[in-house]
Structure formats: C-alpha cells, structure tokens
Amino acid sequence: GGTAPGPAPRPPLAAWLHLTEDCNLSCPYCYVDRGSQGMSEGLGQRAVDRLLQLAAEEGYARLKLKYAGGEPTLRFPLIRTLHQRAARGAARAGLALEEVILTNGVGLTDEMLSFIAQAGMRLMVSLDGGPASHDRLRSMPDGRSTYAAVVDGVARALERGLRPNISITLTALNLDGAGEAQLELRDAAEAAHG
C-alpha cells in the first residue's frame, strides 16, 4: 500500500590521507612501519586537488577526507593547510566536504580541538577499554599510561560541541576490559552537557 523507497543516496568519494608514519605510541598490533617519513605539503595539496577533480568529474556530491597516520596530530599544521585547500576547492566545485581525523587522542590540544570544531570536522579517537586494558595496547614508548590523557581529550572535545566516535581495537590483550571505558566516557559526556 505504500510507495517503494527511492534509490539510496550515493556515498561520498572517500580517501585516506596518511600524513605520517611517525607516532607517539608503540601499540603492539600496529601495521604502520614507524618512521619519520611523512606526506609533504606539496603532495598533500596535489592529492586534495586531484580528489576534488575526480569527485566533480565522476558526479559525486560529496568528498570525504580521512586524515590518518601514524599519528596525524603530529602533523597538525598540514591538516590545517589541507583542510583550507579542500574547503575552498569543494566550495568552488559545489561539493559537500566531510573530514575526519583518526587519532590516538594522546596529544590533542585545546587549540586543535577548537580548530576541528570550527572547521566542522569529525574526530575519531582510539580508546581500547578501561585503564588497564587500554594501556596494555596503547602506552607511551617508555610504558607510561595514556588512558587519562585520552579520556581528558574526549571530555574537552565534548565541551566544544564535538561528538567523537570511539574506535576500539579488540585483541586478546584487552578483551577482558574493553567495555570499561564506556563508564568514564558517559561521565565525561554528562559533565560536558551538564
């Protein structure tokens, strides 16, 4: 008795931009060969320009850029530069721009979070369980904990109106406590929204 649904909207043209192989953590399961190599500003700009061109030529309405690494926040000035170029190019081409930063959350500064919020970018933060479970997977190279820094970064993101996605990597090292982080994140969300 109803009408058939229309065709699903076309997904965006999506691309990962791996800005660096460097990282401030030493996760045992990481597939990225750590190193000091990183994307140059010129290469990043050419990649963004080409992706904008492809999206327009192929009839996409949206372009999605995912800034990753290593740890992309170690190259935050490059994220700013590429965002500005992508935003200008998308506006000229009549494309919607979606951007997401995939981060371990350890080095998020207030300045970074404010920029991400003002730019309308999304944030995906890795948090692999409660304190003990998370730190088994995501500690500093010298073994120091990162859990509190990540939860604090999420809380500060929430204060700026961001709604970070939480990414959990499950391994045998954290299955026992992977769900523990939700309690502290819930408390952080409640505090941010008052």
N, C-alpha and C. Protein backbone atom coordinates (compact mmCIF):
# COMPACT_ATOMS: atom_id res chain seq x y z
N GLY A 1 0.80 -1.20 0.00
CA GLY A 1 0.00 0.00 0.00
C GLY A 1 0.84 1.26 0.00
N GLY A 2 2.15 1.14 0.15
CA GLY A 2 3.00 2.34 0.17
C GLY A 2 3.78 2.45 -1.11
N THR A 3 4.62 3.42 -1.14
CA THR A 3 5.48 3.59 -2.31
C THR A 3 6.84 2.96 -2.02
N ALA A 4 7.45 2.51 -3.06
CA ALA A 4 8.78 1.90 -2.92
C ALA A 4 9.79 2.99 -2.58
N PRO A 5 10.74 2.65 -1.72
CA PRO A 5 11.76 3.67 -1.41
C PRO A 5 12.59 3.98 -2.64
N GLY A 6 13.06 5.21 -2.71
CA GLY A 6 13.90 5.63 -3.82
C GLY A 6 15.29 5.03 -3.68
N PRO A 7 16.11 5.28 -4.64
CA PRO A 7 17.47 4.74 -4.58
C PRO A 7 18.23 5.35 -3.39
N ALA A 8 19.11 4.56 -2.83
CA ALA A 8 19.92 5.05 -1.72
C ALA A 8 20.83 6.16 -2.21
N PRO A 9 21.08 7.15 -1.36
CA PRO A 9 21.98 8.22 -1.80
C PRO A 9 23.38 7.67 -2.07
N ARG A 10 24.02 8.24 -3.04
CA ARG A 10 25.36 7.80 -3.40
C ARG A 10 26.34 8.15 -2.28
N PRO A 11 27.17 7.21 -1.89
CA PRO A 11 28.16 7.53 -0.85
C PRO A 11 29.17 8.54 -1.38
N PRO A 12 29.90 9.18 -0.47
CA PRO A 12 30.90 10.14 -0.94
C PRO A 12 32.10 9.44 -1.56
N LEU A 13 32.85 10.17 -2.34
CA LEU A 13 34.17 9.70 -2.74
C LEU A 13 35.04 9.86 -1.50
N ALA A 14 35.58 8.77 -1.00
CA ALA A 14 36.34 8.79 0.25
C ALA A 14 37.79 8.42 0.01
N ALA A 15 38.68 9.11 0.71
CA ALA A 15 40.11 8.84 0.57
C ALA A 15 40.80 9.00 1.92
N TRP A 16 41.73 8.10 2.18
CA TRP A 16 42.58 8.19 3.37
C TRP A 16 43.83 8.96 2.99
N LEU A 17 44.20 9.94 3.79
CA LEU A 17 45.45 10.66 3.61
C LEU A 17 46.34 10.32 4.80
N HIS A 18 47.31 9.45 4.57
CA HIS A 18 48.25 9.06 5.63
C HIS A 18 49.34 10.13 5.68
N LEU A 19 49.26 10.98 6.69
CA LEU A 19 50.12 12.15 6.76
C LEU A 19 51.52 11.86 7.27
N THR A 20 51.66 10.79 8.05
CA THR A 20 52.96 10.47 8.63
C THR A 20 53.00 9.01 9.04
N GLU A 21 54.20 8.47 9.10
CA GLU A 21 54.40 7.14 9.67
C GLU A 21 54.80 7.24 11.14
N ASP A 22 55.09 8.44 11.59
CA ASP A 22 55.54 8.66 12.96
C ASP A 22 54.35 8.55 13.92
N CYS A 23 54.66 8.15 15.15
CA CYS A 23 53.62 8.02 16.17
C CYS A 23 54.24 8.25 17.54
N ASN A 24 53.41 8.73 18.47
CA ASN A 24 53.87 8.96 19.83
C ASN A 24 53.61 7.76 20.73
N LEU A 25 53.04 6.68 20.20
CA LEU A 25 52.77 5.47 20.97
C LEU A 25 53.50 4.28 20.33
N SER A 26 53.45 3.16 21.01
CA SER A 26 54.05 1.94 20.45
C SER A 26 53.09 0.78 20.67
N CYS A 27 52.01 0.78 19.90
CA CYS A 27 50.97 -0.24 20.02
C CYS A 27 51.46 -1.55 19.41
N PRO A 28 51.28 -2.69 20.12
CA PRO A 28 51.83 -3.95 19.64
C PRO A 28 51.21 -4.49 18.36
N TYR A 29 50.01 -4.05 18.02
CA TYR A 29 49.33 -4.58 16.85
C TYR A 29 49.40 -3.67 15.63
N CYS A 30 50.06 -2.52 15.76
CA CYS A 30 50.05 -1.52 14.69
C CYS A 30 50.69 -2.08 13.41
N TYR A 31 50.05 -1.79 12.29
CA TYR A 31 50.53 -2.27 10.99
C TYR A 31 51.42 -1.25 10.28
N VAL A 32 51.51 -0.03 10.81
CA VAL A 32 52.31 1.01 10.17
C VAL A 32 53.76 0.88 10.61
N ASP A 33 54.66 0.81 9.64
CA ASP A 33 56.09 0.79 9.96
C ASP A 33 56.48 2.19 10.41
N ARG A 34 56.77 2.33 11.70
CA ARG A 34 57.10 3.64 12.24
C ARG A 34 58.35 4.20 11.57
N GLY A 35 58.29 5.46 11.33
CA GLY A 35 59.42 6.14 10.72
C GLY A 35 59.16 7.62 10.66
N SER A 36 60.10 8.34 10.17
CA SER A 36 59.97 9.79 10.12
C SER A 36 59.40 10.28 8.80
N GLN A 37 59.11 9.36 7.88
CA GLN A 37 58.57 9.78 6.60
C GLN A 37 57.18 10.36 6.78
N GLY A 38 56.91 11.38 6.02
CA GLY A 38 55.60 11.99 6.06
C GLY A 38 55.25 12.59 4.72
N MET A 39 53.99 12.87 4.57
CA MET A 39 53.50 13.49 3.34
C MET A 39 53.99 14.93 3.29
N SER A 40 54.52 15.34 2.18
CA SER A 40 54.92 16.74 2.02
C SER A 40 53.68 17.59 1.79
N GLU A 41 53.80 18.87 2.05
CA GLU A 41 52.68 19.77 1.83
C GLU A 41 52.28 19.77 0.35
N GLY A 42 53.29 19.78 -0.53
CA GLY A 42 53.00 19.78 -1.97
C GLY A 42 52.25 18.54 -2.41
N LEU A 43 52.68 17.38 -1.94
CA LEU A 43 51.99 16.14 -2.29
C LEU A 43 50.56 16.15 -1.74
N GLY A 44 50.39 16.61 -0.51
CA GLY A 44 49.05 16.69 0.08
C GLY A 44 48.13 17.59 -0.72
N GLN A 45 48.65 18.73 -1.13
CA GLN A 45 47.84 19.66 -1.91
C GLN A 45 47.47 19.06 -3.27
N ARG A 46 48.43 18.40 -3.91
CA ARG A 46 48.13 17.75 -5.20
C ARG A 46 47.10 16.64 -5.03
N ALA A 47 47.20 15.88 -3.93
CA ALA A 47 46.23 14.81 -3.68
C ALA A 47 44.83 15.39 -3.49
N VAL A 48 44.73 16.44 -2.70
CA VAL A 48 43.43 17.08 -2.47
C VAL A 48 42.86 17.61 -3.79
N ASP A 49 43.69 18.30 -4.57
CA ASP A 49 43.23 18.84 -5.85
C ASP A 49 42.73 17.72 -6.77
N ARG A 50 43.46 16.63 -6.83
CA ARG A 50 43.08 15.51 -7.71
C ARG A 50 41.79 14.86 -7.23
N LEU A 51 41.64 14.71 -5.91
CA LEU A 51 40.40 14.12 -5.39
C LEU A 51 39.20 15.02 -5.66
N LEU A 52 39.37 16.31 -5.54
CA LEU A 52 38.29 17.25 -5.87
C LEU A 52 37.93 17.14 -7.36
N GLN A 53 38.94 17.05 -8.19
CA GLN A 53 38.71 16.92 -9.64
C GLN A 53 37.97 15.62 -9.95
N LEU A 54 38.42 14.51 -9.36
CA LEU A 54 37.76 13.22 -9.60
C LEU A 54 36.31 13.23 -9.12
N ALA A 55 36.08 13.80 -7.95
CA ALA A 55 34.71 13.85 -7.43
C ALA A 55 33.80 14.61 -8.38
N ALA A 56 34.27 15.74 -8.86
CA ALA A 56 33.46 16.55 -9.78
C ALA A 56 33.25 15.82 -11.11
N GLU A 57 34.32 15.25 -11.67
CA GLU A 57 34.22 14.56 -12.97
C GLU A 57 33.32 13.34 -12.91
N GLU A 58 33.33 12.65 -11.79
CA GLU A 58 32.56 11.41 -11.67
C GLU A 58 31.16 11.62 -11.09
N GLY A 59 30.77 12.86 -10.88
CA GLY A 59 29.41 13.16 -10.45
C GLY A 59 29.12 12.92 -8.97
N TYR A 60 30.13 12.93 -8.15
CA TYR A 60 29.90 12.81 -6.71
C TYR A 60 29.39 14.13 -6.16
N ALA A 61 28.55 14.06 -5.14
CA ALA A 61 28.08 15.26 -4.47
C ALA A 61 28.93 15.59 -3.26
N ARG A 62 29.67 14.56 -2.75
CA ARG A 62 30.44 14.73 -1.51
C ARG A 62 31.82 14.13 -1.64
N LEU A 63 32.78 14.76 -0.97
CA LEU A 63 34.14 14.25 -0.86
C LEU A 63 34.44 14.08 0.62
N LYS A 64 34.94 12.90 0.98
CA LYS A 64 35.28 12.61 2.37
C LYS A 64 36.77 12.36 2.49
N LEU A 65 37.45 13.16 3.31
CA LEU A 65 38.88 13.01 3.55
C LEU A 65 39.10 12.50 4.96
N LYS A 66 39.90 11.45 5.09
CA LYS A 66 40.21 10.87 6.40
C LYS A 66 41.70 11.08 6.65
N TYR A 67 42.01 11.88 7.65
CA TYR A 67 43.40 12.17 7.98
C TYR A 67 43.89 11.14 8.99
N ALA A 68 44.92 10.39 8.60
CA ALA A 68 45.38 9.28 9.42
C ALA A 68 46.90 9.24 9.42
N GLY A 69 47.45 8.19 9.99
CA GLY A 69 48.90 8.05 10.07
C GLY A 69 49.26 6.60 10.32
N GLY A 70 50.28 6.39 11.04
CA GLY A 70 50.88 7.01 12.20
C GLY A 70 49.86 7.83 12.98
N GLU A 71 50.36 8.86 13.64
CA GLU A 71 49.50 9.76 14.41
C GLU A 71 49.40 11.09 13.70
N PRO A 72 48.24 11.37 13.08
CA PRO A 72 48.11 12.56 12.24
C PRO A 72 48.24 13.88 13.00
N THR A 73 47.92 13.90 14.29
CA THR A 73 48.02 15.18 15.01
C THR A 73 49.47 15.64 15.15
N LEU A 74 50.43 14.74 14.92
CA LEU A 74 51.83 15.16 14.91
C LEU A 74 52.12 16.07 13.72
N ARG A 75 51.22 16.07 12.74
CA ARG A 75 51.34 16.92 11.54
C ARG A 75 50.15 17.87 11.46
N PHE A 76 49.72 18.41 12.59
CA PHE A 76 48.51 19.22 12.59
C PHE A 76 48.58 20.44 11.68
N PRO A 77 49.73 21.12 11.56
CA PRO A 77 49.77 22.23 10.59
C PRO A 77 49.42 21.78 9.17
N LEU A 78 49.80 20.57 8.80
CA LEU A 78 49.45 20.06 7.48
C LEU A 78 47.94 19.80 7.39
N ILE A 79 47.34 19.30 8.46
CA ILE A 79 45.88 19.11 8.45
C ILE A 79 45.19 20.44 8.19
N ARG A 80 45.63 21.49 8.87
CA ARG A 80 45.04 22.83 8.66
C ARG A 80 45.15 23.26 7.19
N THR A 81 46.35 23.10 6.65
CA THR A 81 46.61 23.52 5.26
C THR A 81 45.73 22.74 4.29
N LEU A 82 45.67 21.43 4.47
CA LEU A 82 44.89 20.60 3.54
C LEU A 82 43.39 20.86 3.70
N HIS A 83 42.95 21.08 4.93
CA HIS A 83 41.53 21.41 5.14
C HIS A 83 41.18 22.70 4.40
N GLN A 84 41.99 23.72 4.57
CA GLN A 84 41.68 25.01 3.93
C GLN A 84 41.63 24.87 2.40
N ARG A 85 42.56 24.11 1.86
CA ARG A 85 42.57 23.90 0.40
C ARG A 85 41.34 23.11 -0.03
N ALA A 86 41.02 22.05 0.72
CA ALA A 86 39.86 21.22 0.37
C ALA A 86 38.56 22.01 0.50
N ALA A 87 38.44 22.84 1.54
CA ALA A 87 37.22 23.62 1.74
C ALA A 87 37.01 24.62 0.60
N ARG A 88 38.09 25.30 0.22
CA ARG A 88 37.98 26.26 -0.90
C ARG A 88 37.62 25.53 -2.20
N GLY A 89 38.31 24.43 -2.47
CA GLY A 89 38.06 23.68 -3.71
C GLY A 89 36.67 23.08 -3.75
N ALA A 90 36.21 22.55 -2.62
CA ALA A 90 34.87 21.96 -2.57
C ALA A 90 33.81 23.03 -2.81
N ALA A 91 33.99 24.21 -2.23
CA ALA A 91 33.02 25.29 -2.43
C ALA A 91 32.97 25.69 -3.90
N ARG A 92 34.14 25.80 -4.54
CA ARG A 92 34.18 26.15 -5.97
C ARG A 92 33.49 25.09 -6.83
N ALA A 93 33.67 23.82 -6.46
CA ALA A 93 33.12 22.72 -7.27
C ALA A 93 31.68 22.36 -6.89
N GLY A 94 31.15 22.99 -5.85
CA GLY A 94 29.78 22.68 -5.42
C GLY A 94 29.68 21.32 -4.74
N LEU A 95 30.77 20.91 -4.09
CA LEU A 95 30.80 19.62 -3.39
C LEU A 95 30.66 19.82 -1.88
N ALA A 96 29.99 18.90 -1.24
CA ALA A 96 30.00 18.88 0.23
C ALA A 96 31.30 18.22 0.66
N LEU A 97 31.91 18.74 1.71
CA LEU A 97 33.17 18.21 2.20
C LEU A 97 32.96 17.61 3.59
N GLU A 98 33.38 16.37 3.74
CA GLU A 98 33.37 15.70 5.04
C GLU A 98 34.82 15.38 5.37
N GLU A 99 35.21 15.65 6.62
CA GLU A 99 36.58 15.34 7.02
C GLU A 99 36.55 14.71 8.40
N VAL A 100 37.46 13.78 8.60
CA VAL A 100 37.58 13.11 9.90
C VAL A 100 39.06 12.91 10.21
N ILE A 101 39.41 13.13 11.46
CA ILE A 101 40.78 12.89 11.92
C ILE A 101 40.73 11.64 12.80
N LEU A 102 41.55 10.65 12.47
CA LEU A 102 41.65 9.41 13.25
C LEU A 102 42.88 9.52 14.12
N THR A 103 42.69 9.62 15.44
CA THR A 103 43.78 9.91 16.35
C THR A 103 43.78 8.98 17.55
N ASN A 104 44.97 8.82 18.14
CA ASN A 104 45.04 8.08 19.41
C ASN A 104 44.60 8.96 20.56
N GLY A 105 44.44 10.25 20.34
CA GLY A 105 43.88 11.16 21.33
C GLY A 105 44.84 11.64 22.40
N VAL A 106 46.07 11.18 22.37
CA VAL A 106 47.01 11.50 23.45
C VAL A 106 47.48 12.95 23.40
N GLY A 107 47.70 13.48 22.23
CA GLY A 107 48.27 14.82 22.11
C GLY A 107 47.29 15.90 21.70
N LEU A 108 46.00 15.67 21.87
CA LEU A 108 45.01 16.67 21.46
C LEU A 108 45.10 17.91 22.35
N THR A 109 45.39 19.04 21.74
CA THR A 109 45.44 20.30 22.48
C THR A 109 44.10 21.02 22.35
N ASP A 110 43.89 22.00 23.21
CA ASP A 110 42.67 22.81 23.12
C ASP A 110 42.62 23.54 21.77
N GLU A 111 43.78 24.00 21.30
CA GLU A 111 43.83 24.69 20.02
C GLU A 111 43.40 23.75 18.88
N MET A 112 43.89 22.51 18.89
CA MET A 112 43.49 21.54 17.87
C MET A 112 41.99 21.30 17.92
N LEU A 113 41.48 21.06 19.12
CA LEU A 113 40.06 20.74 19.26
C LEU A 113 39.18 21.91 18.81
N SER A 114 39.58 23.13 19.14
CA SER A 114 38.81 24.29 18.71
C SER A 114 38.81 24.40 17.19
N PHE A 115 39.96 24.17 16.55
CA PHE A 115 40.03 24.21 15.09
C PHE A 115 39.12 23.15 14.48
N ILE A 116 39.20 21.92 15.00
CA ILE A 116 38.40 20.82 14.47
C ILE A 116 36.92 21.16 14.57
N ALA A 117 36.50 21.71 15.71
CA ALA A 117 35.09 22.08 15.89
C ALA A 117 34.69 23.19 14.93
N GLN A 118 35.50 24.24 14.84
CA GLN A 118 35.17 25.38 13.97
C GLN A 118 35.15 24.98 12.50
N ALA A 119 36.01 24.04 12.13
CA ALA A 119 36.07 23.59 10.73
C ALA A 119 34.97 22.60 10.38
N GLY A 120 34.23 22.13 11.39
CA GLY A 120 33.15 21.17 11.13
C GLY A 120 33.66 19.78 10.83
N MET A 121 34.88 19.50 11.28
CA MET A 121 35.46 18.18 11.06
C MET A 121 34.95 17.22 12.12
N ARG A 122 35.09 15.94 11.84
CA ARG A 122 34.76 14.91 12.82
C ARG A 122 36.03 14.39 13.44
N LEU A 123 35.89 13.77 14.60
CA LEU A 123 37.02 13.26 15.34
C LEU A 123 36.75 11.81 15.70
N MET A 124 37.70 10.94 15.39
CA MET A 124 37.62 9.55 15.81
C MET A 124 38.81 9.27 16.71
N VAL A 125 38.53 8.82 17.93
CA VAL A 125 39.56 8.62 18.94
C VAL A 125 39.63 7.15 19.32
N SER A 126 40.84 6.64 19.40
CA SER A 126 41.05 5.24 19.80
C SER A 126 41.09 5.14 21.32
N LEU A 127 40.24 4.30 21.87
CA LEU A 127 40.22 4.03 23.30
C LEU A 127 39.89 2.55 23.44
N ASP A 128 40.84 1.78 23.90
CA ASP A 128 40.73 0.32 23.83
C ASP A 128 40.32 -0.35 25.13
N GLY A 129 39.46 0.31 25.90
CA GLY A 129 38.95 -0.29 27.13
C GLY A 129 39.20 0.59 28.32
N GLY A 130 39.05 0.00 29.50
CA GLY A 130 39.34 0.71 30.74
C GLY A 130 40.82 0.94 30.88
N PRO A 131 41.26 1.55 31.99
CA PRO A 131 42.67 1.95 32.12
C PRO A 131 43.67 0.81 31.88
N ALA A 132 43.49 -0.30 32.52
CA ALA A 132 44.48 -1.39 32.38
C ALA A 132 44.45 -1.98 30.97
N SER A 133 43.25 -2.22 30.45
CA SER A 133 43.12 -2.82 29.11
C SER A 133 43.67 -1.89 28.04
N HIS A 134 43.30 -0.62 28.12
CA HIS A 134 43.76 0.36 27.14
C HIS A 134 45.29 0.45 27.17
N ASP A 135 45.85 0.56 28.36
CA ASP A 135 47.30 0.76 28.46
C ASP A 135 48.11 -0.47 28.07
N ARG A 136 47.50 -1.64 28.10
CA ARG A 136 48.21 -2.82 27.58
C ARG A 136 48.46 -2.68 26.09
N LEU A 137 47.58 -1.96 25.41
CA LEU A 137 47.70 -1.80 23.97
C LEU A 137 48.28 -0.45 23.56
N ARG A 138 48.02 0.57 24.32
CA ARG A 138 48.33 1.94 23.88
C ARG A 138 49.07 2.72 24.95
N SER A 139 50.26 2.31 25.25
CA SER A 139 51.08 3.06 26.21
C SER A 139 52.13 3.86 25.45
N MET A 140 52.74 4.79 26.17
CA MET A 140 53.87 5.54 25.62
C MET A 140 55.03 4.58 25.41
N PRO A 141 55.97 4.92 24.54
CA PRO A 141 57.12 4.03 24.32
C PRO A 141 57.87 3.66 25.61
N ASP A 142 57.84 4.56 26.61
CA ASP A 142 58.52 4.26 27.87
C ASP A 142 57.60 3.53 28.86
N GLY A 143 56.41 3.14 28.41
CA GLY A 143 55.49 2.37 29.25
C GLY A 143 54.48 3.19 30.03
N ARG A 144 54.57 4.52 30.00
CA ARG A 144 53.63 5.35 30.75
C ARG A 144 52.21 5.21 30.19
N SER A 145 51.25 5.37 31.08
CA SER A 145 49.83 5.28 30.74
C SER A 145 49.41 6.41 29.82
N THR A 146 48.44 6.12 28.95
CA THR A 146 47.84 7.15 28.10
C THR A 146 46.34 7.30 28.34
N TYR A 147 45.78 6.41 29.14
CA TYR A 147 44.33 6.37 29.31
C TYR A 147 43.75 7.71 29.75
N ALA A 148 44.31 8.30 30.82
CA ALA A 148 43.76 9.55 31.35
C ALA A 148 43.84 10.67 30.32
N ALA A 149 44.92 10.72 29.55
CA ALA A 149 45.06 11.76 28.53
C ALA A 149 43.99 11.61 27.45
N VAL A 150 43.68 10.38 27.07
CA VAL A 150 42.68 10.15 26.03
C VAL A 150 41.28 10.55 26.53
N VAL A 151 40.94 10.11 27.75
CA VAL A 151 39.62 10.44 28.30
C VAL A 151 39.49 11.96 28.48
N ASP A 152 40.56 12.61 28.92
CA ASP A 152 40.55 14.06 29.06
C ASP A 152 40.35 14.73 27.70
N GLY A 153 41.02 14.23 26.67
CA GLY A 153 40.85 14.79 25.33
C GLY A 153 39.43 14.65 24.83
N VAL A 154 38.80 13.51 25.10
CA VAL A 154 37.40 13.31 24.70
C VAL A 154 36.50 14.30 25.46
N ALA A 155 36.74 14.47 26.75
CA ALA A 155 35.93 15.41 27.54
C ALA A 155 36.07 16.84 27.00
N ARG A 156 37.29 17.25 26.67
CA ARG A 156 37.49 18.59 26.12
C ARG A 156 36.87 18.74 24.73
N ALA A 157 36.85 17.66 23.96
CA ALA A 157 36.17 17.69 22.66
C ALA A 157 34.68 17.89 22.84
N LEU A 158 34.11 17.18 23.80
CA LEU A 158 32.67 17.31 24.08
C LEU A 158 32.32 18.73 24.51
N GLU A 159 33.19 19.36 25.29
CA GLU A 159 32.95 20.74 25.73
C GLU A 159 32.87 21.70 24.55
N ARG A 160 33.49 21.36 23.44
CA ARG A 160 33.49 22.21 22.24
C ARG A 160 32.40 21.81 21.25
N GLY A 161 31.53 20.92 21.67
CA GLY A 161 30.42 20.52 20.81
C GLY A 161 30.74 19.38 19.85
N LEU A 162 31.96 18.86 19.91
CA LEU A 162 32.30 17.71 19.08
C LEU A 162 31.69 16.45 19.69
N ARG A 163 31.37 15.51 18.87
CA ARG A 163 30.87 14.21 19.33
C ARG A 163 31.79 13.14 18.76
N PRO A 164 32.93 12.92 19.44
CA PRO A 164 33.91 11.98 18.89
C PRO A 164 33.36 10.57 18.76
N ASN A 165 33.72 9.93 17.67
CA ASN A 165 33.49 8.49 17.55
C ASN A 165 34.63 7.82 18.29
N ILE A 166 34.32 6.74 18.98
CA ILE A 166 35.34 6.00 19.71
C ILE A 166 35.62 4.71 18.94
N SER A 167 36.89 4.50 18.66
CA SER A 167 37.33 3.31 17.95
C SER A 167 38.01 2.38 18.94
N ILE A 168 37.55 1.14 19.00
CA ILE A 168 38.13 0.15 19.90
C ILE A 168 38.73 -0.97 19.06
N THR A 169 40.01 -1.22 19.27
CA THR A 169 40.67 -2.35 18.64
C THR A 169 40.66 -3.49 19.64
N LEU A 170 40.06 -4.61 19.26
CA LEU A 170 39.98 -5.76 20.16
C LEU A 170 41.07 -6.76 19.84
N THR A 171 41.80 -7.14 20.87
CA THR A 171 42.79 -8.20 20.75
C THR A 171 42.69 -9.04 22.03
N ALA A 172 43.44 -10.11 22.09
CA ALA A 172 43.47 -10.94 23.29
C ALA A 172 43.99 -10.16 24.50
N LEU A 173 44.69 -9.06 24.26
CA LEU A 173 45.26 -8.27 25.34
C LEU A 173 44.26 -7.36 26.05
N ASN A 174 43.09 -7.12 25.45
CA ASN A 174 42.15 -6.20 26.09
C ASN A 174 40.70 -6.69 26.12
N LEU A 175 40.44 -7.90 25.71
CA LEU A 175 39.06 -8.40 25.73
C LEU A 175 38.43 -8.36 27.11
N ASP A 176 39.23 -8.54 28.14
CA ASP A 176 38.69 -8.59 29.50
C ASP A 176 38.18 -7.24 29.98
N GLY A 177 38.60 -6.14 29.39
CA GLY A 177 38.16 -4.84 29.89
C GLY A 177 37.78 -3.86 28.82
N ALA A 178 37.45 -4.34 27.65
CA ALA A 178 37.15 -3.43 26.53
C ALA A 178 35.92 -2.57 26.80
N GLY A 179 34.96 -3.06 27.58
CA GLY A 179 33.75 -2.29 27.83
C GLY A 179 33.85 -1.31 28.98
N GLU A 180 34.94 -1.33 29.72
CA GLU A 180 35.06 -0.48 30.91
C GLU A 180 35.10 1.01 30.59
N ALA A 181 35.61 1.38 29.47
CA ALA A 181 35.78 2.79 29.14
C ALA A 181 34.45 3.52 29.02
N GLN A 182 33.38 2.83 28.71
CA GLN A 182 32.10 3.49 28.50
C GLN A 182 31.63 4.25 29.72
N LEU A 183 31.96 3.78 30.93
CA LEU A 183 31.51 4.46 32.14
C LEU A 183 32.16 5.83 32.27
N GLU A 184 33.46 5.91 32.08
CA GLU A 184 34.14 7.21 32.19
C GLU A 184 33.74 8.13 31.05
N LEU A 185 33.53 7.59 29.86
CA LEU A 185 33.10 8.42 28.74
C LEU A 185 31.69 8.95 28.98
N ARG A 186 30.83 8.13 29.55
CA ARG A 186 29.48 8.58 29.88
C ARG A 186 29.55 9.73 30.88
N ASP A 187 30.39 9.57 31.91
CA ASP A 187 30.55 10.63 32.91
C ASP A 187 31.09 11.91 32.27
N ALA A 188 32.04 11.79 31.34
CA ALA A 188 32.60 12.95 30.66
C ALA A 188 31.52 13.64 29.82
N ALA A 189 30.69 12.84 29.14
CA ALA A 189 29.62 13.42 28.32
C ALA A 189 28.59 14.13 29.18
N GLU A 190 28.24 13.52 30.30
CA GLU A 190 27.28 14.16 31.20
C GLU A 190 27.83 15.46 31.77
N ALA A 191 29.10 15.48 32.12
CA ALA A 191 29.72 16.70 32.64
C ALA A 191 29.74 17.80 31.60
N ALA A 192 30.03 17.44 30.33
CA ALA A 192 30.11 18.42 29.27
C ALA A 192 28.74 19.02 28.93
N HIS A 193 27.70 18.23 29.12
CA HIS A 193 26.35 18.69 28.75
C HIS A 193 25.51 19.02 29.97
N GLY A 194 26.13 18.99 31.13
CA GLY A 194 25.65 19.45 32.31
C GLY A 194 24.56 19.21 33.13
